[in-house]
Amino acid sequence: MSKRHQYVDLLASLPALPVTPFGREPLPISAIRLEHRLVTLSDAHRDTLEALESLLDWRHLGLELSTEAYIRCYRQAAPQLAEHGVLELVEALLEQRSLMTALRRRRRGDPAPSLGETWGFGPRLAHISAHWQAPLFGVGPVFPWLAEAREHLEHDRPRKLEGLLLEEGWRRLDRARRHDRFDFREVVIYWLRWRLLAAWRRYNAEAAERRLQADIEQGLGDYETLFSGDGN
């Protein structure tokens, strides 16, 4: 079977993902079942998927990992990702993160990154630094979502910001699909889109839990001490 159709059976076995990531329906396939389906990947592709996951999931890297160390990890993995045709998918996600990093740094009052400083990803880092005081770093036409992201950040609307970034990532991955191909790249796109779905549902669940806890604490008032042992 040609590489173009290498994973016809695998992709055909995966349930369709929803049109929008913001629905209330459960995930179409669980993490365990998806992992089970992916065992049919070749050893080389499985290694590449694990390398990709290590770049996107900070739990694999440790919370104390510096930007410089992270970029070293990226550069080590980049040739492997490029060989299997998925590097540009990762680069787009990392460039989005870099733009958000720039917005947050500038909001804190940080100066523009110095020449040669390692702080992000993408071909526009020098341009962003040179246009640090421009409202959208001079790249607004390239990234139409950036203006709205800045507004959400400046007005402390984290849920709307997360939703915007997720939706932009979803659209980008949808545009990257090639409906006449059934290769490893298409498997990775499905996997990345599934991760976005899972992340949004997890974000909503955690937010709901925080709201519930706040409601409980507000409702208990002084009665909270009745059960804490501190009411004497």
Protein backbone atom coordinates (compact mmCIF):
# COMPACT_ATOMS: atom_id res chain seq x y z
CA MET A 1 0.00 0.00 0.00
CA SER A 2 1.30 3.47 -0.88
CA LYS A 3 2.19 5.95 1.85
CA ARG A 4 -0.67 8.10 0.58
CA HIS A 5 -3.15 5.43 1.72
CA GLN A 6 -1.07 3.80 4.43
CA TYR A 7 -3.64 4.28 7.19
CA VAL A 8 -6.97 3.92 5.40
CA ASP A 9 -8.19 1.29 7.84
CA LEU A 10 -7.03 3.23 10.90
CA LEU A 11 -8.66 6.50 9.86
CA ALA A 12 -11.83 4.73 8.79
CA SER A 13 -12.07 3.18 12.26
CA LEU A 14 -11.98 6.56 14.01
CA PRO A 15 -15.33 8.28 14.67
CA ALA A 16 -15.95 11.64 13.06
CA LEU A 17 -15.09 14.63 15.20
CA PRO A 18 -17.74 17.33 15.69
CA VAL A 19 -17.94 20.34 13.41
CA THR A 20 -17.24 22.67 16.33
CA PRO A 21 -15.18 21.98 19.44
CA PHE A 22 -17.65 23.84 21.68
CA GLY A 23 -20.50 21.35 21.79
CA ARG A 24 -21.73 19.62 24.93
CA GLU A 25 -21.63 16.08 23.58
CA PRO A 26 -19.05 13.70 25.08
CA LEU A 27 -15.82 12.93 23.28
CA PRO A 28 -16.54 10.68 20.29
CA ILE A 29 -13.75 8.35 21.38
CA SER A 30 -12.06 7.99 24.75
CA ALA A 31 -8.35 8.47 25.29
CA ILE A 32 -7.93 4.76 26.02
CA ARG A 33 -9.75 3.66 22.87
CA LEU A 34 -7.86 6.16 20.74
CA GLU A 35 -4.58 4.92 22.15
CA HIS A 36 -5.64 1.37 21.34
CA ARG A 37 -6.38 2.31 17.73
CA LEU A 38 -3.03 4.00 17.34
CA VAL A 39 -1.11 0.80 18.11
CA THR A 40 -1.41 0.04 14.38
CA LEU A 41 1.06 2.83 13.60
CA SER A 42 4.47 1.78 12.42
CA ASP A 43 7.28 1.91 14.97
CA ALA A 44 8.77 5.00 13.31
CA HIS A 45 5.45 6.82 13.28
CA ARG A 46 4.75 5.81 16.85
CA ASP A 47 8.09 7.28 17.94
CA THR A 48 7.30 10.48 16.04
CA LEU A 49 3.90 10.79 17.71
CA GLU A 50 5.53 10.37 21.11
CA ALA A 51 8.09 13.06 20.23
CA LEU A 52 5.24 15.33 19.20
CA GLU A 53 3.35 14.67 22.41
CA SER A 54 6.44 15.47 24.46
CA LEU A 55 6.57 18.92 22.86
CA LEU A 56 2.90 19.71 23.42
CA ASP A 57 2.37 18.24 26.88
CA TRP A 58 4.40 19.98 29.60
CA ARG A 59 3.85 17.06 31.98
CA HIS A 60 6.44 15.18 29.94
CA LEU A 61 8.97 17.96 30.33
CA GLY A 62 8.56 19.25 33.86
CA LEU A 63 7.11 22.57 34.99
CA GLU A 64 10.54 24.04 35.68
CA LEU A 65 11.76 23.62 32.12
CA SER A 66 13.28 26.84 30.81
CA THR A 67 12.50 28.29 27.40
CA GLU A 68 16.06 27.55 26.28
CA ALA A 69 15.77 23.90 27.34
CA TYR A 70 12.41 23.57 25.64
CA ILE A 71 13.78 24.95 22.39
CA ARG A 72 16.63 22.44 22.58
CA CYS A 73 14.04 19.66 22.89
CA TYR A 74 12.24 21.09 19.88
CA ARG A 75 15.38 21.25 17.77
CA GLN A 76 16.21 17.67 18.64
CA ALA A 77 12.76 16.50 17.56
CA ALA A 78 12.40 18.75 14.49
CA PRO A 79 14.28 16.56 11.96
CA GLN A 80 12.16 13.54 12.88
CA LEU A 81 8.93 15.56 12.65
CA ALA A 82 9.98 17.02 9.30
CA GLU A 83 10.84 13.60 7.92
CA HIS A 84 7.29 12.44 8.58
CA GLY A 85 5.60 15.58 7.28
CA VAL A 86 4.18 17.00 10.50
CA LEU A 87 6.67 19.69 11.51
CA GLU A 88 4.62 22.58 10.12
CA LEU A 89 1.64 21.48 12.24
CA VAL A 90 3.72 21.82 15.39
CA GLU A 91 5.34 25.06 14.31
CA ALA A 92 1.95 26.72 13.82
CA LEU A 93 0.87 25.78 17.35
CA LEU A 94 4.16 26.96 18.86
CA GLU A 95 4.03 30.26 16.99
CA GLN A 96 0.58 30.87 18.45
CA ARG A 97 2.02 30.27 21.92
CA SER A 98 4.86 32.67 21.17
CA LEU A 99 2.45 35.45 20.20
CA MET A 100 0.56 34.96 23.47
CA THR A 101 3.87 35.04 25.34
CA ALA A 102 4.69 38.35 23.68
CA LEU A 103 1.31 39.82 24.67
CA ARG A 104 1.71 38.70 28.28
CA ARG A 105 5.28 39.96 28.54
CA ARG A 106 4.37 43.35 27.16
CA ARG A 107 1.35 43.59 29.46
CA ARG A 108 3.68 43.03 32.43
CA GLY A 109 5.74 45.95 31.19
CA ASP A 110 8.68 43.84 30.04
CA PRO A 111 10.93 45.41 27.41
CA ALA A 112 11.25 43.93 23.95
CA PRO A 113 13.34 40.75 23.83
CA SER A 114 16.94 41.58 23.15
CA LEU A 115 18.69 40.59 19.96
CA GLY A 116 19.60 36.93 20.13
CA GLU A 117 17.37 36.20 23.14
CA THR A 118 15.70 32.80 23.00
CA TRP A 119 12.05 33.41 23.83
CA GLY A 120 9.76 31.83 21.24
CA PHE A 121 9.17 30.17 17.89
CA GLY A 122 8.47 31.20 14.35
CA PRO A 123 9.98 33.31 11.57
CA ARG A 124 8.63 36.60 12.94
CA LEU A 125 10.40 36.85 16.31
CA ALA A 126 12.79 39.59 15.19
CA HIS A 127 9.89 41.51 13.61
CA ILE A 128 7.86 41.25 16.83
CA SER A 129 10.78 42.53 18.89
CA ALA A 130 11.34 45.42 16.50
CA HIS A 131 7.64 46.38 16.66
CA TRP A 132 7.19 45.72 20.38
CA GLN A 133 5.16 48.87 21.02
CA ALA A 134 2.85 48.42 18.03
CA PRO A 135 -0.59 47.27 19.22
CA LEU A 136 -0.30 43.93 17.39
CA PHE A 137 3.48 43.86 16.88
CA GLY A 138 2.98 44.68 13.20
CA VAL A 139 1.62 41.19 12.44
CA GLY A 140 -2.10 41.80 12.89
CA PRO A 141 -2.96 41.20 9.21
CA VAL A 142 -1.17 37.83 9.35
CA PHE A 143 -2.97 36.75 12.52
CA PRO A 144 -6.53 38.17 12.48
CA TRP A 145 -7.33 36.56 15.84
CA LEU A 146 -4.57 38.46 17.65
CA ALA A 147 -6.58 41.66 18.20
CA GLU A 148 -9.36 39.77 19.96
CA ALA A 149 -6.83 37.80 22.00
CA ARG A 150 -5.27 41.06 23.19
CA GLU A 151 -8.69 42.38 24.24
CA HIS A 152 -9.50 39.23 26.22
CA LEU A 153 -6.11 39.33 27.91
CA GLU A 154 -6.31 43.01 28.82
CA HIS A 155 -9.82 42.63 30.25
CA ASP A 156 -9.07 39.43 32.18
CA ARG A 157 -11.38 37.13 30.24
CA PRO A 158 -9.45 33.85 30.44
CA ARG A 159 -12.32 31.59 29.36
CA LYS A 160 -12.98 33.62 26.22
CA LEU A 161 -9.26 33.74 25.50
CA GLU A 162 -8.92 29.98 25.83
CA GLY A 163 -11.93 29.51 23.58
CA LEU A 164 -10.53 31.85 20.95
CA LEU A 165 -7.15 30.12 20.87
CA LEU A 166 -8.77 26.71 20.71
CA GLU A 167 -11.07 27.76 17.88
CA GLU A 168 -8.16 29.21 15.91
CA GLY A 169 -6.16 26.00 16.37
CA TRP A 170 -9.20 23.97 15.32
CA ARG A 171 -9.70 25.99 12.14
CA ARG A 172 -6.02 25.80 11.27
CA LEU A 173 -5.95 22.04 11.61
CA ASP A 174 -9.17 21.69 9.65
CA ARG A 175 -7.64 23.69 6.80
CA ALA A 176 -4.56 21.46 6.90
CA ARG A 177 -6.59 18.31 6.21
CA ARG A 178 -6.28 16.59 2.84
CA HIS A 179 -9.43 14.60 2.24
CA ASP A 180 -7.89 12.46 -0.49
CA ARG A 181 -5.06 11.22 1.72
CA PHE A 182 -4.96 8.63 4.48
CA ASP A 183 -1.37 8.93 5.63
CA PHE A 184 0.42 9.57 8.91
CA ARG A 185 -0.07 13.34 8.60
CA GLU A 186 -3.84 12.87 8.57
CA VAL A 187 -3.62 10.65 11.64
CA VAL A 188 -1.67 13.37 13.45
CA ILE A 189 -4.23 16.02 12.46
CA TYR A 190 -7.02 13.86 13.88
CA TRP A 191 -5.00 13.31 17.06
CA LEU A 192 -4.29 17.03 17.46
CA ARG A 193 -7.93 17.96 16.92
CA TRP A 194 -9.00 15.32 19.44
CA ARG A 195 -6.59 16.86 21.97
CA LEU A 196 -8.22 20.26 21.46
CA LEU A 197 -11.64 18.73 22.09
CA ALA A 198 -10.41 17.01 25.23
CA ALA A 199 -8.70 20.18 26.47
CA TRP A 200 -11.87 22.27 26.12
CA ARG A 201 -14.01 19.71 27.92
CA ARG A 202 -11.42 19.44 30.67
CA TYR A 203 -11.26 23.23 30.93
CA ASN A 204 -15.03 23.46 31.24
CA ALA A 205 -15.14 20.69 33.84
CA GLU A 206 -12.47 22.38 35.95
CA ALA A 207 -14.23 25.74 35.65
CA ALA A 208 -17.53 24.16 36.68
CA GLU A 209 -15.85 22.57 39.69
CA ARG A 210 -14.40 25.93 40.73
CA ARG A 211 -17.81 27.60 40.38
CA LEU A 212 -19.45 24.85 42.41
CA GLN A 213 -16.87 25.16 45.16
CA ALA A 214 -17.32 28.94 45.25
CA ASP A 215 -21.11 28.52 45.47
CA ILE A 216 -20.75 26.02 48.29
CA GLU A 217 -18.43 28.29 50.25
CA GLN A 218 -20.71 31.29 49.70
CA GLY A 219 -23.77 29.31 50.67
CA LEU A 220 -22.23 27.85 53.80
CA GLY A 221 -21.12 31.19 55.21
CA ASP A 222 -20.62 30.85 58.95
CA TYR A 223 -21.97 27.30 58.84
CA GLU A 224 -18.67 26.19 57.30
CA THR A 225 -17.09 26.29 60.77
CA LEU A 226 -19.76 23.97 62.08
CA PHE A 227 -18.13 21.09 60.20
CA SER A 228 -14.51 22.26 60.32
CA GLY A 229 -14.02 21.94 64.05
CA ASP A 230 -13.15 25.64 64.34
CA GLY A 231 -16.47 26.87 65.68
CA ASN A 232 -15.67 26.73 69.40
